[in-house]
Amino acid sequence: MKYVKLFIAAAALVSFMACNPIEDTSLRQKYITNAGTPITPAELTAALTVQQNGATNDIITLKNARTDVGGAWHIGTAMGETIIKNDQYTYTYEANGEFEIYYVGISEGKIVESSHFPVVVTDVYDPWAGMLTGAKNNTDKSAKKTWSWREVSWGSICNMGAHGGWKYASAGYTPESNFAWWANFTLADVDRSKEKMVFEYDGSKMTTYGPDGNVAATGTFGFIKTSPEDAVLGTWVTTAPLIGARFDDCGQGANNQFYLLTFTDQYITIYHNGWDGSADWDDCGWYAYFEAQ
């Protein structure tokens, strides 16, 4: 019985030790108790440099002199914020407008945000923005252009159709190529004189008008000029829904990306890919056809 009692006592001691580990307080002392005083927003702002250099004002040079304060630059653009995690960086704007740049850092375990630096960009000329807005050069600030529905020859202004269909058009994709599966709409379903979109060169602005002729949404636009898939020209980005968003089963909101299948100064054909990883013919998206007014 003596041996059994000794065994039980030893087991209890081991159990007590396992449930009550000795705490290493060195990290707590370093990062919580004695963490120090974080940098103030004013001190962080004073350590930052935001400069527009060179012959054009679309090139912005950024520098954080307090390299001990890790963080990221937040660069306002026509398509939303771009986040850069470098102490020094040179950013080139692709659209004109009034923007803000600021830095968010971490100092002594605290998040600190700098003041916002205003940036005005006027020297950019994007030919794609020119086609959309009618601007001829970067000084054509007042240029704006109206777009509305185009009904293609087989009778559609928009439809839900096969993903990747544009790759299989025998003579190359045109607005007349038909890959519709369901939800096909024609001019009989809209009033083209009321439902329209106006795009302005200055500030990359967009305004859409709904079926009642009243303003439906306002936002900005931009372009991504790399092809996301074969036979796609690039991507049209908007921060507001286009006309016809109610017909788009993929859904639209404040951040939209549309494949550009055809794009001239007279007509645009888009495809809205609503599902990630879509495979040709195995999924679908929204095709829509627009023309300049």
Protein backbone atom coordinates (compact mmCIF):
# COMPACT_ATOMS: atom_id res chain seq x y z
CA MET A 1 0.00 0.00 0.00
CA LYS A 2 2.94 2.33 0.66
CA TYR A 3 4.06 2.07 -2.97
CA VAL A 4 0.56 2.79 -4.26
CA LYS A 5 0.26 5.91 -2.09
CA LEU A 6 3.65 7.17 -3.27
CA PHE A 7 2.67 6.62 -6.91
CA ILE A 8 -0.59 8.55 -6.48
CA ALA A 9 1.21 11.43 -4.76
CA ALA A 10 3.79 11.64 -7.54
CA ALA A 11 1.09 11.58 -10.20
CA ALA A 12 -0.77 14.40 -8.46
CA LEU A 13 2.42 16.47 -8.32
CA VAL A 14 3.07 15.97 -12.04
CA SER A 15 -0.55 16.93 -12.82
CA PHE A 16 -0.24 20.11 -10.76
CA MET A 17 2.98 21.08 -12.51
CA ALA A 18 1.46 20.44 -16.01
CA CYS A 19 -1.53 22.67 -15.32
CA ASN A 20 0.52 25.55 -13.90
CA PRO A 21 3.41 26.32 -16.26
CA ILE A 22 5.95 28.95 -15.29
CA GLU A 23 5.18 32.07 -17.39
CA ASP A 24 8.00 33.69 -19.34
CA THR A 25 7.19 37.37 -18.76
CA SER A 26 9.99 38.76 -20.92
CA LEU A 27 7.77 39.24 -24.01
CA ARG A 28 4.99 40.74 -21.92
CA GLN A 29 7.47 43.19 -20.39
CA LYS A 30 8.89 44.10 -23.80
CA TYR A 31 5.72 44.54 -25.83
CA ILE A 32 3.02 45.44 -23.29
CA THR A 33 4.26 46.61 -19.89
CA ASN A 34 7.31 48.52 -21.17
CA ALA A 35 6.29 48.93 -24.79
CA GLY A 36 7.17 52.58 -24.89
CA THR A 37 5.37 55.56 -26.36
CA PRO A 38 4.13 55.18 -29.95
CA ILE A 39 4.87 57.82 -32.57
CA THR A 40 2.18 60.47 -32.88
CA PRO A 41 0.28 61.11 -36.13
CA ALA A 42 2.02 64.48 -36.38
CA GLU A 43 5.47 62.94 -35.95
CA LEU A 44 4.68 60.28 -38.56
CA THR A 45 3.40 62.91 -41.00
CA ALA A 46 6.58 64.95 -40.53
CA ALA A 47 8.66 61.91 -41.50
CA LEU A 48 6.82 61.44 -44.81
CA THR A 49 7.52 62.98 -48.20
CA VAL A 50 5.00 63.00 -51.07
CA GLN A 51 6.36 64.72 -54.18
CA GLN A 52 5.20 65.16 -57.75
CA ASN A 53 8.39 65.25 -59.80
CA GLY A 54 9.38 65.32 -63.42
CA ALA A 55 7.88 66.91 -66.50
CA THR A 56 4.42 65.49 -65.78
CA ASN A 57 2.50 65.48 -62.50
CA ASP A 58 1.31 61.89 -62.82
CA ILE A 59 4.52 60.53 -61.22
CA ILE A 60 4.51 60.57 -57.41
CA THR A 61 7.57 59.86 -55.25
CA LEU A 62 6.88 58.55 -51.73
CA LYS A 63 9.34 58.29 -48.84
CA ASN A 64 9.05 57.32 -45.18
CA ALA A 65 12.12 58.51 -43.26
CA ARG A 66 11.05 56.62 -40.13
CA THR A 67 11.96 53.15 -41.35
CA ASP A 68 11.51 51.86 -37.80
CA VAL A 69 7.77 52.44 -38.21
CA GLY A 70 6.61 49.63 -40.47
CA GLY A 71 3.41 50.00 -42.43
CA ALA A 72 1.99 50.80 -45.84
CA TRP A 73 1.16 53.68 -48.14
CA HIS A 74 -2.50 54.08 -49.09
CA ILE A 75 -2.70 55.66 -52.55
CA GLY A 76 -6.08 56.94 -53.68
CA THR A 77 -6.84 56.31 -57.36
CA ALA A 78 -9.84 56.46 -59.67
CA MET A 79 -10.34 52.73 -59.04
CA GLY A 80 -10.00 52.80 -55.25
CA GLU A 81 -7.00 52.54 -52.92
CA THR A 82 -3.71 50.94 -53.90
CA ILE A 83 -1.68 49.71 -50.90
CA ILE A 84 2.13 49.71 -51.13
CA LYS A 85 4.27 48.20 -48.35
CA ASN A 86 7.53 50.02 -49.16
CA ASP A 87 9.27 52.85 -47.31
CA GLN A 88 10.20 54.38 -50.67
CA TYR A 89 8.15 54.02 -53.83
CA THR A 90 7.43 55.78 -57.13
CA TYR A 91 3.83 55.55 -58.29
CA THR A 92 2.53 56.54 -61.74
CA TYR A 93 -1.11 57.55 -62.04
CA GLU A 94 -3.12 56.29 -65.01
CA ALA A 95 -6.03 58.72 -64.66
CA ASN A 96 -6.53 62.39 -63.88
CA GLY A 97 -8.31 63.58 -60.78
CA GLU A 98 -7.98 64.76 -57.19
CA PHE A 99 -6.74 62.04 -54.83
CA GLU A 100 -5.31 61.52 -51.33
CA ILE A 101 -2.26 59.62 -50.14
CA TYR A 102 -1.52 58.67 -46.52
CA TYR A 103 0.55 56.23 -44.50
CA VAL A 104 -0.64 53.75 -41.87
CA GLY A 105 2.12 52.47 -39.59
CA ILE A 106 2.56 50.36 -36.47
CA SER A 107 4.54 51.94 -33.64
CA GLU A 108 5.05 50.23 -30.28
CA GLY A 109 2.14 47.93 -31.03
CA LYS A 110 -0.21 50.80 -31.91
CA ILE A 111 -1.72 51.63 -35.33
CA VAL A 112 -0.96 55.22 -36.32
CA GLU A 113 -2.35 57.01 -39.39
CA SER A 114 -0.69 60.06 -40.92
CA SER A 115 -2.36 63.14 -42.28
CA HIS A 116 -3.71 62.82 -45.81
CA PHE A 117 -1.68 64.43 -48.61
CA PRO A 118 -3.80 65.88 -51.46
CA VAL A 119 -2.64 65.06 -54.99
CA VAL A 120 -3.98 66.64 -58.18
CA VAL A 121 -3.18 64.81 -61.42
CA THR A 122 -3.79 66.58 -64.74
CA ASP A 123 -1.20 65.34 -67.23
CA VAL A 124 -2.44 61.83 -67.97
CA TYR A 125 -3.88 60.98 -71.37
CA ASP A 126 -5.19 57.45 -71.76
CA PRO A 127 -6.45 56.66 -75.29
CA TRP A 128 -8.99 54.25 -73.82
CA ALA A 129 -10.36 57.02 -71.59
CA GLY A 130 -10.34 59.16 -74.71
CA MET A 131 -12.55 56.69 -76.57
CA LEU A 132 -14.93 56.44 -73.62
CA THR A 133 -15.19 60.19 -72.94
CA GLY A 134 -14.42 61.76 -76.33
CA ALA A 135 -11.29 63.54 -75.04
CA LYS A 136 -8.69 64.17 -77.75
CA ASN A 137 -5.74 64.90 -75.45
CA ASN A 138 -4.86 65.56 -71.81
CA THR A 139 -5.96 69.21 -72.02
CA ASP A 140 -9.49 68.30 -73.14
CA LYS A 141 -10.78 68.57 -69.58
CA SER A 142 -14.42 69.27 -70.39
CA ALA A 143 -14.85 66.23 -72.64
CA LYS A 144 -17.76 63.95 -71.84
CA LYS A 145 -19.64 61.34 -73.81
CA THR A 146 -23.00 59.60 -73.53
CA TRP A 147 -23.51 55.89 -74.09
CA SER A 148 -26.65 53.78 -74.16
CA TRP A 149 -27.88 50.42 -75.35
CA ARG A 150 -27.01 48.86 -78.70
CA GLU A 151 -29.22 46.08 -80.04
CA VAL A 152 -27.15 43.57 -82.01
CA SER A 153 -28.42 41.94 -85.20
CA TRP A 154 -29.78 38.78 -83.58
CA GLY A 155 -31.82 40.81 -81.10
CA SER A 156 -30.11 41.50 -77.78
CA ILE A 157 -28.98 44.43 -75.67
CA CYS A 158 -27.76 42.10 -72.91
CA ASN A 159 -27.99 38.47 -71.86
CA MET A 160 -26.54 35.77 -69.65
CA GLY A 161 -24.27 33.59 -71.77
CA ALA A 162 -21.51 31.02 -71.93
CA HIS A 163 -18.19 31.86 -70.37
CA GLY A 164 -15.36 32.01 -72.91
CA GLY A 165 -17.64 31.99 -75.93
CA TRP A 166 -15.64 34.81 -77.50
CA LYS A 167 -12.70 32.44 -77.99
CA TYR A 168 -14.69 30.19 -80.30
CA ALA A 169 -16.14 32.64 -82.83
CA SER A 170 -14.93 31.31 -86.18
CA ALA A 171 -14.28 34.75 -87.68
CA GLY A 172 -13.21 36.38 -84.43
CA TYR A 173 -15.51 37.82 -81.79
CA THR A 174 -17.82 40.68 -82.78
CA PRO A 175 -20.87 42.17 -81.04
CA GLU A 176 -22.94 39.99 -83.38
CA SER A 177 -21.59 36.73 -81.90
CA ASN A 178 -24.32 34.93 -79.97
CA PHE A 179 -23.47 32.92 -76.85
CA ALA A 180 -26.69 33.65 -74.93
CA TRP A 181 -28.14 31.04 -72.57
CA TRP A 182 -30.93 32.88 -70.77
CA ALA A 183 -32.18 36.32 -69.66
CA ASN A 184 -32.00 37.86 -73.13
CA PHE A 185 -33.30 41.45 -73.31
CA THR A 186 -34.00 43.68 -76.33
CA LEU A 187 -34.74 47.36 -76.95
CA ALA A 188 -38.39 46.59 -76.27
CA ASP A 189 -37.40 46.13 -72.61
CA VAL A 190 -35.81 49.58 -72.12
CA ASP A 191 -36.16 53.23 -73.04
CA ARG A 192 -32.83 54.10 -74.61
CA SER A 193 -33.55 57.84 -74.48
CA LYS A 194 -33.76 57.71 -70.68
CA GLU A 195 -31.40 54.91 -69.69
CA LYS A 196 -27.85 56.07 -70.40
CA MET A 197 -24.33 56.54 -69.04
CA VAL A 198 -22.24 59.73 -69.18
CA PHE A 199 -18.46 59.50 -68.82
CA GLU A 200 -16.33 62.60 -68.15
CA TYR A 201 -12.61 62.82 -68.83
CA ASP A 202 -11.82 65.18 -65.96
CA GLY A 203 -11.69 63.08 -62.81
CA SER A 204 -12.66 59.87 -64.65
CA LYS A 205 -16.27 60.44 -63.60
CA MET A 206 -19.30 58.37 -64.50
CA THR A 207 -23.01 59.06 -64.07
CA THR A 208 -25.74 56.58 -64.90
CA TYR A 209 -29.41 57.30 -65.52
CA GLY A 210 -32.08 54.73 -64.75
CA PRO A 211 -35.26 53.69 -66.58
CA ASP A 212 -37.06 56.76 -65.22
CA GLY A 213 -34.43 59.13 -66.61
CA ASN A 214 -33.19 60.16 -63.16
CA VAL A 215 -29.62 59.77 -61.90
CA ALA A 216 -29.18 56.20 -60.72
CA ALA A 217 -25.53 56.19 -59.61
CA THR A 218 -22.30 58.17 -59.72
CA GLY A 219 -18.74 56.91 -59.54
CA THR A 220 -15.45 56.69 -61.38
CA PHE A 221 -13.93 54.42 -64.01
CA GLY A 222 -10.55 53.03 -64.98
CA PHE A 223 -8.91 50.31 -67.05
CA ILE A 224 -6.61 47.35 -66.56
CA LYS A 225 -4.82 46.89 -69.87
CA THR A 226 -3.55 43.37 -69.40
CA SER A 227 -5.64 40.61 -70.92
CA PRO A 228 -7.20 38.35 -68.26
CA GLU A 229 -7.99 35.64 -70.81
CA ASP A 230 -7.36 34.89 -74.48
CA ALA A 231 -9.10 37.27 -76.91
CA VAL A 232 -10.04 39.76 -74.15
CA LEU A 233 -8.73 43.29 -74.75
CA GLY A 234 -8.52 44.23 -71.07
CA THR A 235 -10.74 45.06 -68.10
CA TRP A 236 -13.05 48.02 -67.53
CA VAL A 237 -13.33 48.94 -63.83
CA THR A 238 -16.17 51.03 -62.39
CA THR A 239 -17.06 52.09 -58.86
CA ALA A 240 -20.78 52.17 -59.62
CA PRO A 241 -23.16 49.85 -61.48
CA LEU A 242 -23.70 50.26 -65.23
CA ILE A 243 -27.12 50.69 -66.79
CA GLY A 244 -28.84 47.34 -66.93
CA ALA A 245 -27.34 46.12 -63.67
CA ARG A 246 -30.84 44.86 -62.80
CA PHE A 247 -30.50 42.38 -65.69
CA ASP A 248 -27.10 41.13 -64.53
CA ASP A 249 -27.50 37.90 -62.55
CA CYS A 250 -23.85 38.20 -61.46
CA GLY A 251 -24.69 41.34 -59.48
CA GLN A 252 -23.01 44.75 -59.49
CA GLY A 253 -22.02 47.17 -56.75
CA ALA A 254 -19.31 49.65 -55.85
CA ASN A 255 -16.43 47.65 -57.34
CA ASN A 256 -17.02 46.07 -60.74
CA GLN A 257 -14.74 44.57 -63.37
CA PHE A 258 -15.94 43.88 -66.91
CA TYR A 259 -14.03 42.09 -69.66
CA LEU A 260 -13.74 44.27 -72.77
CA LEU A 261 -14.53 42.10 -75.80
CA THR A 262 -14.89 44.94 -78.30
CA PHE A 263 -14.01 48.58 -77.66
CA THR A 264 -14.02 51.49 -80.11
CA ASP A 265 -15.16 55.09 -79.92
CA GLN A 266 -18.54 53.91 -81.26
CA TYR A 267 -19.39 50.68 -79.44
CA ILE A 268 -18.45 48.55 -76.44
CA THR A 269 -19.10 44.89 -75.73
CA ILE A 270 -18.51 43.63 -72.19
CA TYR A 271 -18.68 40.37 -70.27
CA HIS A 272 -19.14 40.34 -66.49
CA ASN A 273 -17.52 37.25 -65.03
CA GLY A 274 -19.38 36.73 -61.80
CA TRP A 275 -17.69 33.55 -60.61
CA ASP A 276 -14.01 32.92 -59.87
CA GLY A 277 -12.37 30.07 -61.74
CA SER A 278 -14.98 29.95 -64.48
CA ALA A 279 -14.27 27.41 -67.18
CA ASP A 280 -15.20 27.80 -70.84
CA TRP A 281 -18.80 26.68 -71.41
CA ASP A 282 -19.05 25.32 -67.86
CA ASP A 283 -20.06 28.68 -66.41
CA CYS A 284 -21.62 31.91 -67.55
CA GLY A 285 -21.68 35.68 -67.18
CA TRP A 286 -23.41 38.83 -68.37
CA TYR A 287 -22.89 40.06 -71.93
CA ALA A 288 -23.94 43.66 -72.65
CA TYR A 289 -23.75 45.87 -75.75
CA PHE A 290 -23.46 49.67 -75.73
CA GLU A 291 -23.07 52.39 -78.34
CA ALA A 292 -22.15 56.07 -78.28
CA GLN A 293 -25.00 58.57 -78.57
